[in-house]
C-alpha atoms as a PDB file:
ATOM      1  CA  MET A   1     -39.312  -5.449  28.067  1.00  0.00           C
ATOM      2  CA  GLU A   2     -42.593  -4.647  26.388  1.00  0.00           C
ATOM      3  CA  ILE A   3     -43.369  -1.003  25.739  1.00  0.00           C
ATOM      4  CA  ILE A   4     -46.810   0.024  24.545  1.00  0.00           C
ATOM      5  CA  ILE A   5     -47.075   3.423  22.841  1.00  0.00           C
ATOM      6  CA  GLY A   6     -50.503   5.021  22.608  1.00  0.00           C
ATOM      7  CA  SER A   7     -50.349   6.103  18.985  1.00  0.00           C
ATOM      8  CA  LYS A   8     -49.800   4.627  15.563  1.00  0.00           C
ATOM      9  CA  ASN A   9     -48.410   7.921  14.276  1.00  0.00           C
ATOM     10  CA  PRO A  10     -45.070   6.895  12.753  1.00  0.00           C
ATOM     11  CA  THR A  11     -43.176   9.873  14.192  1.00  0.00           C
ATOM     12  CA  LYS A  12     -44.205   8.941  17.741  1.00  0.00           C
ATOM     13  CA  VAL A  13     -43.636   5.195  17.284  1.00  0.00           C
ATOM     14  CA  GLN A  14     -40.194   5.796  15.734  1.00  0.00           C
ATOM     15  CA  ALA A  15     -39.235   8.125  18.586  1.00  0.00           C
ATOM     16  CA  VAL A  16     -40.041   5.448  21.187  1.00  0.00           C
ATOM     17  CA  ALA A  17     -38.402   2.651  19.166  1.00  0.00           C
ATOM     18  CA  GLU A  18     -35.241   4.748  18.780  1.00  0.00           C
ATOM     19  CA  ILE A  19     -34.897   5.382  22.530  1.00  0.00           C
ATOM     20  CA  PHE A  20     -35.928   1.853  23.553  1.00  0.00           C
ATOM     21  CA  GLU A  21     -34.081   0.133  20.691  1.00  0.00           C
ATOM     22  CA  SER A  22     -33.484  -3.196  22.464  1.00  0.00           C
ATOM     23  CA  ASP A  23     -37.077  -3.509  23.709  1.00  0.00           C
ATOM     24  CA  GLN A  24     -40.289  -4.691  22.080  1.00  0.00           C
ATOM     25  CA  VAL A  25     -42.325  -1.617  21.112  1.00  0.00           C
ATOM     26  CA  ASN A  26     -45.993  -2.119  20.226  1.00  0.00           C
ATOM     27  CA  ALA A  27     -48.312   0.640  19.071  1.00  0.00           C
ATOM     28  CA  ILE A  28     -52.024   0.929  19.845  1.00  0.00           C
ATOM     29  CA  GLU A  29     -54.516   3.734  19.299  1.00  0.00           C
ATOM     30  CA  ALA A  30     -55.052   4.993  22.848  1.00  0.00           C
ATOM     31  CA  LYS A  31     -57.560   7.737  23.533  1.00  0.00           C
ATOM     32  CA  SER A  32     -56.233  11.009  24.922  1.00  0.00           C
ATOM     33  CA  LYS A  33     -59.615  11.895  26.482  1.00  0.00           C
ATOM     34  CA  VAL A  34     -58.827  15.579  25.843  1.00  0.00           C
ATOM     35  CA  SER A  35     -59.665  17.857  22.918  1.00  0.00           C
ATOM     36  CA  ALA A  36     -58.551  16.692  19.478  1.00  0.00           C
ATOM     37  CA  GLN A  37     -56.369  19.815  19.553  1.00  0.00           C
ATOM     38  CA  PRO A  38     -55.190  20.421  23.130  1.00  0.00           C
ATOM     39  CA  PHE A  39     -55.036  24.148  23.854  1.00  0.00           C
ATOM     40  CA  SER A  40     -52.894  24.397  26.978  1.00  0.00           C
ATOM     41  CA  ASP A  41     -49.904  22.848  28.680  1.00  0.00           C
ATOM     42  CA  GLU A  42     -52.206  21.208  31.222  1.00  0.00           C
ATOM     43  CA  GLU A  43     -54.539  19.685  28.640  1.00  0.00           C
ATOM     44  CA  THR A  44     -51.638  18.435  26.508  1.00  0.00           C
ATOM     45  CA  LYS A  45     -49.953  16.865  29.542  1.00  0.00           C
ATOM     46  CA  GLN A  46     -53.214  15.213  30.618  1.00  0.00           C
ATOM     47  CA  GLY A  47     -53.669  13.762  27.135  1.00  0.00           C
ATOM     48  CA  ALA A  48     -50.217  12.164  27.338  1.00  0.00           C
ATOM     49  CA  ILE A  49     -50.967  10.741  30.797  1.00  0.00           C
ATOM     50  CA  ASN A  50     -54.322   9.351  29.662  1.00  0.00           C
ATOM     51  CA  ARG A  51     -52.738   7.624  26.678  1.00  0.00           C
ATOM     52  CA  ALA A  52     -49.919   6.163  28.814  1.00  0.00           C
ATOM     53  CA  MET A  53     -52.378   4.875  31.435  1.00  0.00           C
ATOM     54  CA  GLU A  54     -54.459   3.136  28.781  1.00  0.00           C
ATOM     55  CA  CYS A  55     -51.320   1.589  27.270  1.00  0.00           C
ATOM     56  CA  ARG A  56     -50.125   0.267  30.618  1.00  0.00           C
ATOM     57  CA  LYS A  57     -53.360  -1.732  30.897  1.00  0.00           C
ATOM     58  CA  TYR A  58     -52.326  -3.723  27.799  1.00  0.00           C
ATOM     59  CA  THR A  59     -49.177  -5.212  29.330  1.00  0.00           C
ATOM     60  CA  THR A  60     -48.708  -7.305  32.455  1.00  0.00           C
ATOM     61  CA  ASN A  61     -45.165  -6.251  33.244  1.00  0.00           C
ATOM     62  CA  GLY A  62     -44.237  -3.570  30.725  1.00  0.00           C
ATOM     63  CA  ILE A  63     -44.610   0.171  30.502  1.00  0.00           C
ATOM     64  CA  GLY A  64     -47.021   2.497  28.736  1.00  0.00           C
ATOM     65  CA  ILE A  65     -45.999   5.664  26.941  1.00  0.00           C
ATOM     66  CA  GLY A  66     -48.239   8.490  25.790  1.00  0.00           C
ATOM     67  CA  LEU A  67     -47.075  11.391  23.638  1.00  0.00           C
ATOM     68  CA  GLU A  68     -49.252  14.418  22.959  1.00  0.00           C
ATOM     69  CA  GLY A  69     -48.760  17.548  20.897  1.00  0.00           C
ATOM     70  CA  GLY A  70     -50.659  20.729  21.604  1.00  0.00           C
ATOM     71  CA  VAL A  71     -50.602  24.493  21.537  1.00  0.00           C
ATOM     72  CA  MET A  72     -50.552  27.024  24.351  1.00  0.00           C
ATOM     73  CA  PHE A  73     -50.542  30.771  24.809  1.00  0.00           C
ATOM     74  CA  VAL A  74     -47.761  32.616  26.584  1.00  0.00           C
ATOM     75  CA  GLY A  75     -49.142  36.121  26.769  1.00  0.00           C
ATOM     76  CA  ASP A  76     -50.488  36.862  23.308  1.00  0.00           C
ATOM     77  CA  THR A  77     -48.174  34.442  21.512  1.00  0.00           C
ATOM     78  CA  LEU A  78     -49.268  30.938  20.573  1.00  0.00           C
ATOM     79  CA  TYR A  79     -46.638  28.237  21.020  1.00  0.00           C
ATOM     80  CA  LEU A  80     -46.351  24.642  19.943  1.00  0.00           C
ATOM     81  CA  CYS A  81     -46.000  22.376  22.994  1.00  0.00           C
ATOM     82  CA  ASN A  82     -45.565  18.662  23.540  1.00  0.00           C
ATOM     83  CA  TRP A  83     -45.750  16.332  26.498  1.00  0.00           C
ATOM     84  CA  GLY A  84     -44.973  12.742  27.238  1.00  0.00           C
ATOM     85  CA  ALA A  85     -45.921  10.371  30.022  1.00  0.00           C
ATOM     86  CA  LEU A  86     -44.538   6.990  31.015  1.00  0.00           C
ATOM     87  CA  VAL A  87     -46.482   4.648  33.304  1.00  0.00           C
ATOM     88  CA  ALA A  88     -44.094   2.175  34.903  1.00  0.00           C
ATOM     89  CA  GLU A  89     -44.594  -1.457  35.856  1.00  0.00           C
ATOM     90  CA  ASP A  90     -45.655  -0.353  39.355  1.00  0.00           C
ATOM     91  CA  TRP A  91     -48.040   2.272  37.890  1.00  0.00           C
ATOM     92  CA  ARG A  92     -45.869   5.262  38.836  1.00  0.00           C
ATOM     93  CA  ILE A  93     -46.303   8.105  36.358  1.00  0.00           C
ATOM     94  CA  PHE A  94     -43.390  10.084  34.933  1.00  0.00           C
ATOM     95  CA  THR A  95     -43.959  13.165  32.764  1.00  0.00           C
ATOM     96  CA  ALA A  96     -41.778  15.424  30.644  1.00  0.00           C
ATOM     97  CA  SER A  97     -42.184  18.256  28.192  1.00  0.00           C
ATOM     98  CA  GLY A  98     -40.015  19.373  25.329  1.00  0.00           C
ATOM     99  CA  ALA A  99     -39.371  22.015  22.719  1.00  0.00           C
ATOM    100  CA  ARG A 100     -41.605  25.012  22.249  1.00  0.00           C
ATOM    101  CA  ILE A 101     -41.706  27.318  19.284  1.00  0.00           C
ATOM    102  CA  ALA A 102     -43.822  30.386  18.556  1.00  0.00           C
ATOM    103  CA  LEU A 103     -46.439  29.904  15.869  1.00  0.00           C
ATOM    104  CA  PRO A 104     -47.555  32.514  13.323  1.00  0.00           C
ATOM    105  CA  ASN A 105     -50.604  34.560  14.330  1.00  0.00           C
ATOM    106  CA  GLU A 106     -52.470  33.507  11.177  1.00  0.00           C
ATOM    107  CA  LEU A 107     -52.861  29.977  12.604  1.00  0.00           C
ATOM    108  CA  VAL A 108     -54.709  31.110  15.738  1.00  0.00           C
ATOM    109  CA  GLU A 109     -58.163  31.650  14.227  1.00  0.00           C
ATOM    110  CA  SER A 110     -58.316  28.227  12.564  1.00  0.00           C
ATOM    111  CA  LEU A 111     -57.196  26.545  15.790  1.00  0.00           C
ATOM    112  CA  LYS A 112     -59.809  28.438  17.791  1.00  0.00           C
ATOM    113  CA  ASN A 113     -62.410  27.298  15.239  1.00  0.00           C
ATOM    114  CA  GLY A 114     -61.678  23.664  16.065  1.00  0.00           C
ATOM    115  CA  PHE A 115     -59.222  22.625  13.387  1.00  0.00           C
ATOM    116  CA  GLU A 116     -56.231  20.497  14.376  1.00  0.00           C
ATOM    117  CA  LEU A 117     -52.752  21.891  13.844  1.00  0.00           C
ATOM    118  CA  GLY A 118     -51.803  19.011  11.534  1.00  0.00           C
ATOM    119  CA  GLU A 119     -54.694  19.813   9.183  1.00  0.00           C
ATOM    120  CA  ILE A 120     -53.870  23.499   9.209  1.00  0.00           C
ATOM    121  CA  MET A 121     -50.194  22.876   8.520  1.00  0.00           C
ATOM    122  CA  ASP A 122     -50.939  20.759   5.448  1.00  0.00           C
ATOM    123  CA  ASP A 123     -52.601  23.798   3.862  1.00  0.00           C
ATOM    124  CA  TYR A 124     -50.238  26.385   5.358  1.00  0.00           C
ATOM    125  CA  ALA A 125     -47.075  24.616   4.141  1.00  0.00           C
ATOM    126  CA  ASN A 126     -48.692  23.222   0.975  1.00  0.00           C
ATOM    127  CA  ARG A 127     -47.632  19.697   1.974  1.00  0.00           C
ATOM    128  CA  LYS A 128     -49.407  16.459   2.795  1.00  0.00           C
ATOM    129  CA  GLU A 129     -49.505  14.642   6.145  1.00  0.00           C
ATOM    130  CA  VAL A 130     -47.215  17.065   7.971  1.00  0.00           C
ATOM    131  CA  SER A 131     -48.217  15.495  11.311  1.00  0.00           C
ATOM    132  CA  THR A 132     -46.879  12.081  10.282  1.00  0.00           C
ATOM    133  CA  HIS A 133     -43.676  13.422   8.759  1.00  0.00           C
ATOM    134  CA  GLU A 134     -41.693  16.533   9.704  1.00  0.00           C
ATOM    135  CA  GLY A 135     -44.406  18.038  11.882  1.00  0.00           C
ATOM    136  CA  THR A 136     -45.049  21.684  12.575  1.00  0.00           C
ATOM    137  CA  ILE A 137     -41.679  21.868  14.333  1.00  0.00           C
ATOM    138  CA  GLY A 138     -39.988  20.689  11.133  1.00  0.00           C
ATOM    139  CA  ILE A 139     -41.742  23.303   9.025  1.00  0.00           C
ATOM    140  CA  PHE A 140     -40.889  26.188  11.336  1.00  0.00           C
ATOM    141  CA  THR A 141     -37.279  25.090  11.999  1.00  0.00           C
ATOM    142  CA  ASN A 142     -36.579  24.584   8.299  1.00  0.00           C
ATOM    143  CA  ASP A 143     -36.236  20.821   8.965  1.00  0.00           C
ATOM    144  CA  LEU A 144     -33.472  21.303  11.544  1.00  0.00           C
ATOM    145  CA  VAL A 145     -35.706  19.634  14.151  1.00  0.00           C
ATOM    146  CA  SER A 146     -38.217  16.990  13.108  1.00  0.00           C
ATOM    147  CA  ARG A 147     -41.329  15.882  14.950  1.00  0.00           C
ATOM    148  CA  LYS A 148     -39.689  12.499  15.604  1.00  0.00           C
ATOM    149  CA  GLU A 149     -36.621  14.224  17.109  1.00  0.00           C
ATOM    150  CA  MET A 150     -38.807  16.480  19.240  1.00  0.00           C
ATOM    151  CA  PHE A 151     -40.670  13.492  20.672  1.00  0.00           C
ATOM    152  CA  ALA A 152     -37.451  11.427  20.973  1.00  0.00           C
ATOM    153  CA  HIS A 153     -36.106  14.133  23.287  1.00  0.00           C
ATOM    154  CA  VAL A 154     -39.208  13.842  25.475  1.00  0.00           C
ATOM    155  CA  VAL A 155     -38.910  10.025  25.485  1.00  0.00           C
ATOM    156  CA  LYS A 156     -35.258  10.347  26.605  1.00  0.00           C
ATOM    157  CA  LEU A 157     -36.409  12.507  29.515  1.00  0.00           C
ATOM    158  CA  LEU A 158     -39.060   9.927  30.422  1.00  0.00           C
ATOM    159  CA  ARG A 159     -36.668   6.981  30.181  1.00  0.00           C
ATOM    160  CA  GLY A 160     -34.037   8.753  32.246  1.00  0.00           C
ATOM    161  CA  GLN A 161     -36.474   9.487  35.068  1.00  0.00           C
ATOM    162  CA  TRP A 162     -37.877   5.960  35.010  1.00  0.00           C
ATOM    163  CA  GLU A 163     -34.404   4.375  35.105  1.00  0.00           C
ATOM    164  CA  TYR A 164     -33.233   6.667  37.908  1.00  0.00           C
ATOM    165  CA  TRP A 165     -36.221   5.890  40.131  1.00  0.00           C
ATOM    166  CA  LYS A 166     -36.292   2.129  39.485  1.00  0.00           C
END
């Protein structure tokens, strides 16, 4: 089966390829049609759906997958959030969310000023390309959970739903 993932970010592509290891996984740059840095659960979820819908258009009988990372407030605390969407052969949409972790308060101002979390984390952690490697989740879990693992968990949830409802 052909699976189109709406990102060329290696952590997202590897997560999909790991969960769909016997399938053909192709990556495209699909637009999220939401803010560059989604700022709520709803916006992050919609970005994943938009990417998955665009991907599904590129295959006649395959599936599209969109993965989106964002941030959201719970009370006064900012959390990392992530969503995934899978658009099936019959255009049904499946969604799932994954791990959440509180973020330090010192990141809030930069995010509110329009910077993306990946950019901020490069400076904050004094590393390069955090968003294509360990991710924010990797930094703040001391590499116990990587960005690829976080998204792989979401992809497992998507695949499980899709297989159940086939």
